[in-house]
Amino acid sequence: MEKRGVTRDSLRTRPYRHLVTLIVLSVTGILAFLVFIPHTDFGLQKDDWSTLENVLYLNFGRVLWAMCLAVITLACYYDYLPWTNGLLSHGFWTPFTRLTYGAYLCHPLIIKLTAGNEFQFYQFSGEDLTLRCIANVVLAYAASLGLWCLIERPTMTFSTAMLKSGKRTSQTRKQEGQGA
């Protein structure tokens, strides 16, 4: 995009700001719609959706979600959403970003382990789902922290030391070759 003249500074004109504001508001509305629309097929209204509505939501919901997040990401990159960008790029999130992949790997194990140790069937309620969600997140990140301390960090330290010693060896060989 920069080769075509689209840079962070070239998009600072007033019409672009209004257009991006309109797009971000639309995207926020779509995200809210995607979050709250499943509630219309719950409780007393259960199974009110037609097959077409189910298929449309299941096929396009995640794609729309990803596209909306991409629009917000681009708006943050081009500095149209400075508050959102400041919140999402704050240093508070750094430890969580380092543990996220480990939590992604551990969470199915945590869910299966907790479900396998239950004495009775799940009784679904709002409180139960909330507590299970919080417990799964906390346990997955705790397991991810253990993986990070026991595997990832030592591997990073070892590989960094190996790369540094490899550079020193090649530099030493170059120096010896020049001195001869």
N, C-alpha and C. Protein backbone atom coordinates (compact mmCIF):
# COMPACT_ATOMS: atom_id res chain seq x y z
N MET A 1 0.83 -1.19 0.00
CA MET A 1 0.00 0.00 0.00
C MET A 1 0.87 1.25 0.00
N GLU A 2 2.03 1.18 0.64
CA GLU A 2 2.89 2.35 0.66
C GLU A 2 3.45 2.67 -0.72
N LYS A 3 3.65 1.64 -1.57
CA LYS A 3 4.12 1.89 -2.93
C LYS A 3 3.08 2.65 -3.75
N ARG A 4 1.81 2.49 -3.39
CA ARG A 4 0.73 3.20 -4.08
C ARG A 4 0.43 4.56 -3.47
N GLY A 5 1.19 4.95 -2.45
CA GLY A 5 1.01 6.25 -1.85
C GLY A 5 0.08 6.26 -0.64
N VAL A 6 -0.35 5.09 -0.17
CA VAL A 6 -1.22 5.01 0.99
C VAL A 6 -0.34 4.81 2.22
N THR A 7 -0.16 5.87 2.98
CA THR A 7 0.63 5.81 4.21
C THR A 7 -0.21 6.31 5.36
N ARG A 8 0.35 6.25 6.54
CA ARG A 8 -0.37 6.72 7.71
C ARG A 8 -0.68 8.22 7.61
N ASP A 9 0.23 8.97 7.03
CA ASP A 9 0.05 10.42 6.94
C ASP A 9 -0.86 10.83 5.79
N SER A 10 -0.89 10.05 4.71
CA SER A 10 -1.70 10.44 3.55
C SER A 10 -3.19 10.27 3.80
N LEU A 11 -3.56 9.50 4.79
CA LEU A 11 -4.98 9.26 5.08
C LEU A 11 -5.51 10.13 6.22
N ARG A 12 -4.86 11.25 6.48
CA ARG A 12 -5.23 12.10 7.61
C ARG A 12 -6.25 13.18 7.23
N THR A 13 -6.76 13.18 6.02
CA THR A 13 -7.68 14.23 5.61
C THR A 13 -9.04 14.02 6.25
N ARG A 14 -9.81 15.09 6.29
CA ARG A 14 -11.11 15.09 6.95
C ARG A 14 -12.11 14.10 6.33
N PRO A 15 -12.23 14.00 5.00
CA PRO A 15 -13.19 13.02 4.45
C PRO A 15 -12.85 11.58 4.85
N TYR A 16 -11.55 11.26 4.90
CA TYR A 16 -11.17 9.90 5.32
C TYR A 16 -11.55 9.67 6.78
N ARG A 17 -11.36 10.68 7.61
CA ARG A 17 -11.71 10.53 9.03
C ARG A 17 -13.20 10.25 9.19
N HIS A 18 -14.04 10.97 8.47
CA HIS A 18 -15.49 10.75 8.56
C HIS A 18 -15.87 9.37 8.03
N LEU A 19 -15.26 8.98 6.94
CA LEU A 19 -15.54 7.66 6.36
C LEU A 19 -15.13 6.55 7.32
N VAL A 20 -13.95 6.67 7.89
CA VAL A 20 -13.48 5.65 8.83
C VAL A 20 -14.34 5.62 10.08
N THR A 21 -14.76 6.77 10.56
CA THR A 21 -15.65 6.82 11.73
C THR A 21 -16.96 6.09 11.43
N LEU A 22 -17.52 6.33 10.26
CA LEU A 22 -18.75 5.65 9.86
C LEU A 22 -18.53 4.14 9.75
N ILE A 23 -17.42 3.73 9.15
CA ILE A 23 -17.13 2.30 9.01
C ILE A 23 -16.93 1.64 10.36
N VAL A 24 -16.19 2.29 11.26
CA VAL A 24 -15.94 1.72 12.59
C VAL A 24 -17.24 1.61 13.39
N LEU A 25 -18.10 2.59 13.29
CA LEU A 25 -19.39 2.50 13.97
C LEU A 25 -20.23 1.36 13.41
N SER A 26 -20.20 1.18 12.09
CA SER A 26 -20.93 0.07 11.47
C SER A 26 -20.37 -1.27 11.92
N VAL A 27 -19.06 -1.36 11.96
CA VAL A 27 -18.40 -2.60 12.38
C VAL A 27 -18.72 -2.90 13.84
N THR A 28 -18.75 -1.89 14.67
CA THR A 28 -19.11 -2.09 16.08
C THR A 28 -20.54 -2.59 16.20
N GLY A 29 -21.44 -2.05 15.39
CA GLY A 29 -22.82 -2.54 15.38
C GLY A 29 -22.92 -3.98 14.92
N ILE A 30 -22.13 -4.35 13.91
CA ILE A 30 -22.13 -5.75 13.44
C ILE A 30 -21.60 -6.67 14.53
N LEU A 31 -20.55 -6.26 15.22
CA LEU A 31 -20.01 -7.07 16.31
C LEU A 31 -21.03 -7.26 17.43
N ALA A 32 -21.73 -6.18 17.78
CA ALA A 32 -22.77 -6.29 18.81
C ALA A 32 -23.88 -7.21 18.34
N PHE A 33 -24.27 -7.10 17.09
CA PHE A 33 -25.29 -7.98 16.52
C PHE A 33 -24.85 -9.44 16.62
N LEU A 34 -23.61 -9.73 16.25
CA LEU A 34 -23.12 -11.10 16.28
C LEU A 34 -23.04 -11.66 17.70
N VAL A 35 -22.82 -10.78 18.66
CA VAL A 35 -22.75 -11.24 20.05
C VAL A 35 -24.15 -11.50 20.60
N PHE A 36 -25.10 -10.62 20.30
CA PHE A 36 -26.41 -10.71 20.95
C PHE A 36 -27.47 -11.47 20.16
N ILE A 37 -27.28 -11.73 18.88
CA ILE A 37 -28.30 -12.41 18.09
C ILE A 37 -28.55 -13.85 18.57
N PRO A 38 -27.57 -14.59 19.05
CA PRO A 38 -27.89 -15.95 19.52
C PRO A 38 -28.88 -15.98 20.68
N HIS A 39 -28.99 -14.88 21.42
CA HIS A 39 -29.93 -14.84 22.54
C HIS A 39 -31.38 -14.94 22.07
N THR A 40 -31.63 -14.64 20.80
CA THR A 40 -33.00 -14.73 20.28
C THR A 40 -33.42 -16.18 20.04
N ASP A 41 -32.49 -17.12 20.15
CA ASP A 41 -32.81 -18.54 19.98
C ASP A 41 -32.48 -19.28 21.27
N PHE A 42 -32.94 -18.73 22.40
CA PHE A 42 -32.59 -19.28 23.70
C PHE A 42 -33.79 -19.14 24.62
N GLY A 43 -33.88 -19.99 25.59
CA GLY A 43 -34.95 -19.90 26.58
C GLY A 43 -36.30 -20.22 25.99
N LEU A 44 -37.25 -19.30 26.17
CA LEU A 44 -38.60 -19.52 25.68
C LEU A 44 -38.67 -19.52 24.16
N GLN A 45 -37.73 -18.84 23.51
CA GLN A 45 -37.73 -18.78 22.06
C GLN A 45 -36.85 -19.87 21.43
N LYS A 46 -36.49 -20.87 22.18
CA LYS A 46 -35.59 -21.91 21.69
C LYS A 46 -36.16 -22.58 20.44
N ASP A 47 -35.28 -22.82 19.48
CA ASP A 47 -35.61 -23.46 18.21
C ASP A 47 -36.58 -22.64 17.37
N ASP A 48 -36.57 -21.31 17.52
CA ASP A 48 -37.39 -20.45 16.67
C ASP A 48 -36.72 -20.13 15.35
N TRP A 49 -35.41 -20.32 15.26
CA TRP A 49 -34.69 -20.01 14.03
C TRP A 49 -34.99 -21.08 12.98
N SER A 50 -35.09 -20.62 11.75
CA SER A 50 -35.26 -21.57 10.65
C SER A 50 -33.90 -22.17 10.29
N THR A 51 -33.93 -23.16 9.45
CA THR A 51 -32.68 -23.78 9.02
C THR A 51 -31.82 -22.78 8.26
N LEU A 52 -32.45 -21.94 7.45
CA LEU A 52 -31.71 -20.92 6.70
C LEU A 52 -31.01 -19.95 7.65
N GLU A 53 -31.70 -19.49 8.69
CA GLU A 53 -31.10 -18.57 9.65
C GLU A 53 -29.92 -19.22 10.36
N ASN A 54 -30.07 -20.49 10.75
CA ASN A 54 -28.97 -21.21 11.39
C ASN A 54 -27.77 -21.32 10.47
N VAL A 55 -28.02 -21.69 9.22
CA VAL A 55 -26.93 -21.86 8.26
C VAL A 55 -26.23 -20.53 8.00
N LEU A 56 -26.99 -19.47 7.84
CA LEU A 56 -26.39 -18.15 7.61
C LEU A 56 -25.52 -17.72 8.79
N TYR A 57 -26.03 -17.90 10.00
CA TYR A 57 -25.25 -17.49 11.17
C TYR A 57 -23.99 -18.33 11.31
N LEU A 58 -24.12 -19.64 11.16
CA LEU A 58 -22.96 -20.52 11.33
C LEU A 58 -21.92 -20.32 10.22
N ASN A 59 -22.35 -20.06 9.00
CA ASN A 59 -21.40 -19.91 7.90
C ASN A 59 -20.76 -18.53 7.84
N PHE A 60 -21.49 -17.51 8.19
CA PHE A 60 -20.97 -16.15 8.00
C PHE A 60 -20.63 -15.43 9.31
N GLY A 61 -21.05 -15.95 10.44
CA GLY A 61 -20.80 -15.27 11.71
C GLY A 61 -19.32 -15.10 12.01
N ARG A 62 -18.56 -16.17 11.90
CA ARG A 62 -17.12 -16.10 12.22
C ARG A 62 -16.35 -15.30 11.17
N VAL A 63 -16.76 -15.41 9.92
CA VAL A 63 -16.10 -14.64 8.86
C VAL A 63 -16.35 -13.15 9.09
N LEU A 64 -17.58 -12.78 9.39
CA LEU A 64 -17.89 -11.38 9.68
C LEU A 64 -17.14 -10.89 10.91
N TRP A 65 -17.07 -11.73 11.92
CA TRP A 65 -16.34 -11.37 13.15
C TRP A 65 -14.88 -11.06 12.82
N ALA A 66 -14.24 -11.94 12.06
CA ALA A 66 -12.83 -11.73 11.69
C ALA A 66 -12.65 -10.48 10.83
N MET A 67 -13.56 -10.25 9.89
CA MET A 67 -13.46 -9.07 9.05
C MET A 67 -13.64 -7.79 9.86
N CYS A 68 -14.55 -7.80 10.81
CA CYS A 68 -14.77 -6.62 11.66
C CYS A 68 -13.54 -6.34 12.52
N LEU A 69 -12.93 -7.39 13.06
CA LEU A 69 -11.72 -7.18 13.85
C LEU A 69 -10.57 -6.70 12.97
N ALA A 70 -10.52 -7.14 11.72
CA ALA A 70 -9.50 -6.65 10.80
C ALA A 70 -9.68 -5.16 10.51
N VAL A 71 -10.92 -4.72 10.37
CA VAL A 71 -11.19 -3.29 10.15
C VAL A 71 -10.75 -2.48 11.36
N ILE A 72 -11.05 -2.96 12.55
CA ILE A 72 -10.63 -2.25 13.77
C ILE A 72 -9.12 -2.23 13.88
N THR A 73 -8.46 -3.33 13.52
CA THR A 73 -7.01 -3.39 13.56
C THR A 73 -6.40 -2.37 12.59
N LEU A 74 -6.93 -2.30 11.38
CA LEU A 74 -6.42 -1.32 10.42
C LEU A 74 -6.69 0.11 10.87
N ALA A 75 -7.83 0.35 11.47
CA ALA A 75 -8.13 1.69 11.98
C ALA A 75 -7.16 2.06 13.11
N CYS A 76 -6.81 1.09 13.94
CA CYS A 76 -5.81 1.36 14.98
C CYS A 76 -4.44 1.62 14.36
N TYR A 77 -4.08 0.83 13.36
CA TYR A 77 -2.77 1.00 12.71
C TYR A 77 -2.64 2.38 12.08
N TYR A 78 -3.68 2.84 11.41
CA TYR A 78 -3.64 4.15 10.76
C TYR A 78 -4.00 5.28 11.72
N ASP A 79 -4.07 4.98 13.00
CA ASP A 79 -4.24 5.95 14.09
C ASP A 79 -5.57 6.71 14.02
N TYR A 80 -6.61 6.02 13.59
CA TYR A 80 -7.95 6.60 13.64
C TYR A 80 -8.64 6.31 14.98
N LEU A 81 -8.15 5.33 15.70
CA LEU A 81 -8.71 4.98 17.01
C LEU A 81 -7.61 5.02 18.07
N PRO A 82 -7.15 6.22 18.45
CA PRO A 82 -6.01 6.29 19.36
C PRO A 82 -6.30 5.71 20.75
N TRP A 83 -7.51 5.85 21.25
CA TRP A 83 -7.82 5.31 22.57
C TRP A 83 -7.85 3.79 22.54
N THR A 84 -8.47 3.23 21.52
CA THR A 84 -8.51 1.78 21.38
C THR A 84 -7.10 1.24 21.18
N ASN A 85 -6.33 1.91 20.35
CA ASN A 85 -4.96 1.49 20.10
C ASN A 85 -4.13 1.56 21.39
N GLY A 86 -4.32 2.61 22.17
CA GLY A 86 -3.60 2.74 23.43
C GLY A 86 -3.96 1.64 24.42
N LEU A 87 -5.25 1.30 24.47
CA LEU A 87 -5.68 0.24 25.37
C LEU A 87 -5.13 -1.11 24.95
N LEU A 88 -5.25 -1.43 23.65
CA LEU A 88 -4.83 -2.74 23.18
C LEU A 88 -3.31 -2.90 23.10
N SER A 89 -2.56 -1.80 22.98
CA SER A 89 -1.11 -1.90 22.91
C SER A 89 -0.42 -1.59 24.24
N HIS A 90 -1.19 -1.48 25.29
CA HIS A 90 -0.63 -1.20 26.61
C HIS A 90 0.26 -2.35 27.07
N GLY A 91 1.28 -2.05 27.83
CA GLY A 91 2.22 -3.06 28.32
C GLY A 91 1.61 -4.08 29.26
N PHE A 92 0.43 -3.78 29.80
CA PHE A 92 -0.26 -4.71 30.68
C PHE A 92 -0.50 -6.06 30.00
N TRP A 93 -0.71 -6.06 28.68
CA TRP A 93 -1.06 -7.27 27.94
C TRP A 93 0.15 -8.13 27.60
N THR A 94 1.37 -7.62 27.76
CA THR A 94 2.57 -8.34 27.34
C THR A 94 2.69 -9.73 27.95
N PRO A 95 2.53 -9.91 29.27
CA PRO A 95 2.64 -11.28 29.80
C PRO A 95 1.58 -12.22 29.24
N PHE A 96 0.37 -11.69 29.02
CA PHE A 96 -0.69 -12.54 28.49
C PHE A 96 -0.41 -12.95 27.03
N THR A 97 0.20 -12.04 26.27
CA THR A 97 0.52 -12.39 24.88
C THR A 97 1.58 -13.48 24.83
N ARG A 98 2.48 -13.49 25.79
CA ARG A 98 3.50 -14.53 25.81
C ARG A 98 2.94 -15.88 26.23
N LEU A 99 1.84 -15.86 26.97
CA LEU A 99 1.26 -17.11 27.46
C LEU A 99 0.08 -17.60 26.63
N THR A 100 -0.38 -16.81 25.68
CA THR A 100 -1.61 -17.14 24.97
C THR A 100 -1.52 -18.45 24.19
N TYR A 101 -0.42 -18.68 23.48
CA TYR A 101 -0.32 -19.91 22.69
C TYR A 101 -0.29 -21.13 23.61
N GLY A 102 0.42 -21.03 24.73
CA GLY A 102 0.42 -22.13 25.69
C GLY A 102 -0.96 -22.38 26.27
N ALA A 103 -1.71 -21.31 26.53
CA ALA A 103 -3.07 -21.46 27.03
C ALA A 103 -3.96 -22.11 25.97
N TYR A 104 -3.73 -21.75 24.71
CA TYR A 104 -4.47 -22.36 23.60
C TYR A 104 -4.19 -23.86 23.54
N LEU A 105 -2.95 -24.25 23.77
CA LEU A 105 -2.60 -25.68 23.75
C LEU A 105 -3.12 -26.42 24.96
N CYS A 106 -3.16 -25.76 26.12
CA CYS A 106 -3.53 -26.44 27.37
C CYS A 106 -5.03 -26.47 27.62
N HIS A 107 -5.79 -25.53 27.06
CA HIS A 107 -7.19 -25.44 27.48
C HIS A 107 -8.02 -26.68 27.12
N PRO A 108 -7.80 -27.39 26.00
CA PRO A 108 -8.59 -28.61 25.80
C PRO A 108 -8.29 -29.67 26.87
N LEU A 109 -7.03 -29.73 27.28
CA LEU A 109 -6.66 -30.69 28.34
C LEU A 109 -7.33 -30.33 29.66
N ILE A 110 -7.36 -29.04 29.96
CA ILE A 110 -7.99 -28.57 31.20
C ILE A 110 -9.49 -28.89 31.17
N ILE A 111 -10.13 -28.62 30.06
CA ILE A 111 -11.58 -28.87 29.96
C ILE A 111 -11.87 -30.35 30.10
N LYS A 112 -11.10 -31.20 29.41
CA LYS A 112 -11.33 -32.65 29.50
C LYS A 112 -11.02 -33.17 30.90
N LEU A 113 -9.98 -32.64 31.52
CA LEU A 113 -9.62 -33.08 32.86
C LEU A 113 -10.69 -32.71 33.89
N THR A 114 -11.18 -31.48 33.82
CA THR A 114 -12.21 -31.08 34.78
C THR A 114 -13.52 -31.81 34.51
N ALA A 115 -13.86 -32.00 33.23
CA ALA A 115 -15.11 -32.71 32.91
C ALA A 115 -15.01 -34.18 33.31
N GLY A 116 -13.84 -34.77 33.15
CA GLY A 116 -13.66 -36.18 33.50
C GLY A 116 -13.68 -36.44 35.00
N ASN A 117 -13.44 -35.42 35.79
CA ASN A 117 -13.44 -35.58 37.24
C ASN A 117 -14.75 -35.18 37.90
N GLU A 118 -15.78 -34.91 37.11
CA GLU A 118 -17.09 -34.58 37.66
C GLU A 118 -17.79 -35.83 38.17
N PHE A 119 -18.57 -35.68 39.21
CA PHE A 119 -19.31 -36.81 39.78
C PHE A 119 -20.73 -36.91 39.24
N GLN A 120 -21.22 -35.84 38.63
CA GLN A 120 -22.57 -35.85 38.09
C GLN A 120 -22.60 -35.04 36.80
N PHE A 121 -23.70 -35.10 36.09
CA PHE A 121 -23.83 -34.35 34.86
C PHE A 121 -23.85 -32.86 35.16
N TYR A 122 -23.46 -32.07 34.17
CA TYR A 122 -23.47 -30.62 34.33
C TYR A 122 -24.90 -30.12 34.48
N GLN A 123 -25.09 -29.19 35.37
CA GLN A 123 -26.35 -28.48 35.52
C GLN A 123 -26.10 -27.07 34.99
N PHE A 124 -26.61 -26.79 33.81
CA PHE A 124 -26.30 -25.52 33.17
C PHE A 124 -27.14 -24.38 33.74
N SER A 125 -26.45 -23.35 34.15
CA SER A 125 -27.06 -22.10 34.58
C SER A 125 -26.06 -20.99 34.27
N GLY A 126 -26.50 -19.77 34.38
CA GLY A 126 -25.61 -18.65 34.10
C GLY A 126 -24.41 -18.62 35.01
N GLU A 127 -24.64 -18.86 36.30
CA GLU A 127 -23.54 -18.84 37.26
C GLU A 127 -22.57 -19.99 37.01
N ASP A 128 -23.11 -21.16 36.71
CA ASP A 128 -22.26 -22.33 36.47
C ASP A 128 -21.37 -22.12 35.25
N LEU A 129 -21.95 -21.61 34.17
CA LEU A 129 -21.16 -21.36 32.96
C LEU A 129 -20.10 -20.29 33.19
N THR A 130 -20.46 -19.25 33.94
CA THR A 130 -19.49 -18.19 34.24
C THR A 130 -18.34 -18.73 35.08
N LEU A 131 -18.66 -19.50 36.12
CA LEU A 131 -17.60 -20.06 36.97
C LEU A 131 -16.73 -21.04 36.20
N ARG A 132 -17.32 -21.87 35.37
CA ARG A 132 -16.51 -22.81 34.56
C ARG A 132 -15.60 -22.07 33.60
N CYS A 133 -16.12 -21.03 32.99
CA CYS A 133 -15.31 -20.24 32.06
C CYS A 133 -14.13 -19.60 32.78
N ILE A 134 -14.38 -18.98 33.91
CA ILE A 134 -13.31 -18.34 34.68
C ILE A 134 -12.30 -19.39 35.15
N ALA A 135 -12.77 -20.51 35.64
CA ALA A 135 -11.87 -21.57 36.11
C ALA A 135 -11.03 -22.12 34.95
N ASN A 136 -11.65 -22.33 33.79
CA ASN A 136 -10.90 -22.84 32.64
C ASN A 136 -9.83 -21.86 32.19
N VAL A 137 -10.15 -20.58 32.18
CA VAL A 137 -9.17 -19.56 31.78
C VAL A 137 -8.02 -19.51 32.77
N VAL A 138 -8.34 -19.47 34.06
CA VAL A 138 -7.29 -19.39 35.08
C VAL A 138 -6.40 -20.63 35.05
N LEU A 139 -7.00 -21.81 34.96
CA LEU A 139 -6.22 -23.04 34.92
C LEU A 139 -5.39 -23.15 33.64
N ALA A 140 -5.95 -22.73 32.51
CA ALA A 140 -5.20 -22.79 31.24
C ALA A 140 -4.00 -21.85 31.27
N TYR A 141 -4.19 -20.65 31.81
CA TYR A 141 -3.05 -19.73 31.89
C TYR A 141 -2.04 -20.17 32.95
N ALA A 142 -2.49 -20.81 34.02
CA ALA A 142 -1.55 -21.34 35.01
C ALA A 142 -0.72 -22.46 34.39
N ALA A 143 -1.36 -23.35 33.65
CA ALA A 143 -0.62 -24.42 32.96
C ALA A 143 0.32 -23.83 31.92
N SER A 144 -0.12 -22.78 31.23
CA SER A 144 0.73 -22.12 30.24
C SER A 144 1.94 -21.47 30.90
N LEU A 145 1.75 -20.90 32.06
CA LEU A 145 2.87 -20.33 32.81
C LEU A 145 3.87 -21.42 33.18
N GLY A 146 3.37 -22.58 33.60
CA GLY A 146 4.26 -23.70 33.90
C GLY A 146 5.04 -24.14 32.67
N LEU A 147 4.35 -24.24 31.53
CA LEU A 147 5.04 -24.60 30.28
C LEU A 147 6.08 -23.55 29.91
N TRP A 148 5.75 -22.29 30.11
CA TRP A 148 6.67 -21.22 29.75
C TRP A 148 7.93 -21.30 30.62
N CYS A 149 7.73 -21.54 31.93
CA CYS A 149 8.88 -21.60 32.85
C CYS A 149 9.72 -22.85 32.64
N LEU A 150 9.08 -23.97 32.35
CA LEU A 150 9.80 -25.24 32.26
C LEU A 150 10.33 -25.56 30.86
N ILE A 151 9.68 -25.05 29.82
CA ILE A 151 10.07 -25.43 28.47
C ILE A 151 10.48 -24.22 27.62
N GLU A 152 9.58 -23.25 27.50
CA GLU A 152 9.81 -22.18 26.53
C GLU A 152 10.99 -21.29 26.90
N ARG A 153 11.02 -20.79 28.12
CA ARG A 153 12.10 -19.88 28.53
C ARG A 153 13.47 -20.57 28.53
N PRO A 154 13.60 -21.77 29.08
CA PRO A 154 14.91 -22.43 28.99
C PRO A 154 15.34 -22.68 27.54
N THR A 155 14.40 -23.02 26.67
CA THR A 155 14.72 -23.23 25.26
C THR A 155 15.18 -21.93 24.62
N MET A 156 14.51 -20.83 24.93
CA MET A 156 14.91 -19.53 24.40
C MET A 156 16.31 -19.17 24.88
N THR A 157 16.59 -19.40 26.15
CA THR A 157 17.90 -19.08 26.70
C THR A 157 18.98 -19.93 26.04
N PHE A 158 18.70 -21.22 25.88
CA PHE A 158 19.66 -22.14 25.28
C PHE A 158 19.91 -21.78 23.82
N SER A 159 18.86 -21.51 23.07
CA SER A 159 19.03 -21.20 21.65
C SER A 159 19.73 -19.86 21.47
N THR A 160 19.46 -18.89 22.33
CA THR A 160 20.16 -17.60 22.25
C THR A 160 21.64 -17.78 22.53
N ALA A 161 21.96 -18.60 23.54
CA ALA A 161 23.37 -18.85 23.86
C ALA A 161 24.06 -19.58 22.70
N MET A 162 23.35 -20.51 22.06
CA MET A 162 23.93 -21.24 20.93
C MET A 162 24.16 -20.30 19.74
N LEU A 163 23.23 -19.40 19.49
CA LEU A 163 23.39 -18.47 18.38
C LEU A 163 24.55 -17.51 18.64
N LYS A 164 24.68 -17.04 19.87
CA LYS A 164 25.79 -16.14 20.21
C LYS A 164 27.12 -16.85 20.09
N SER A 165 27.19 -18.10 20.55
CA SER A 165 28.46 -18.83 20.44
C SER A 165 28.76 -19.15 18.98
N GLY A 166 27.75 -19.36 18.15
CA GLY A 166 27.95 -19.60 16.73
C GLY A 166 28.49 -18.36 16.03
N LYS A 167 28.02 -17.19 16.42
CA LYS A 167 28.53 -15.95 15.84
C LYS A 167 29.97 -15.71 16.25
N ARG A 168 30.28 -16.00 17.52
CA ARG A 168 31.65 -15.81 18.00
C ARG A 168 32.60 -16.74 17.25
N THR A 169 32.18 -17.97 17.03
CA THR A 169 33.03 -18.94 16.33
C THR A 169 33.29 -18.48 14.90
N SER A 170 32.25 -18.01 14.21
CA SER A 170 32.44 -17.55 12.83
C SER A 170 33.28 -16.27 12.78
N GLN A 171 33.12 -15.40 13.77
CA GLN A 171 33.94 -14.19 13.82
C GLN A 171 35.39 -14.53 14.10
N THR A 172 35.62 -15.51 14.97
CA THR A 172 36.97 -15.94 15.28
C THR A 172 37.63 -16.53 14.03
N ARG A 173 36.89 -17.31 13.27
CA ARG A 173 37.43 -17.89 12.04
C ARG A 173 37.77 -16.81 11.02
N LYS A 174 36.91 -15.79 10.90
CA LYS A 174 37.19 -14.70 9.98
C LYS A 174 38.47 -13.95 10.39
N GLN A 175 38.60 -13.70 11.71
CA GLN A 175 39.75 -12.98 12.20
C GLN A 175 41.04 -13.80 11.97
N GLU A 176 40.94 -15.11 12.19
CA GLU A 176 42.11 -15.96 11.97
C GLU A 176 42.48 -16.00 10.50
N GLY A 177 41.48 -15.99 9.62
CA GLY A 177 41.73 -16.01 8.18
C GLY A 177 42.36 -14.73 7.70
N GLN A 178 41.98 -13.59 8.32
CA GLN A 178 42.54 -12.31 7.91
C GLN A 178 43.98 -12.15 8.42
N GLY A 179 44.25 -12.73 9.59
CA GLY A 179 45.58 -12.59 10.19
C GLY A 179 46.61 -13.45 9.48
N ALA A 180 46.20 -14.50 8.76
CA ALA A 180 47.15 -15.41 8.15
C ALA A 180 47.71 -14.89 6.87
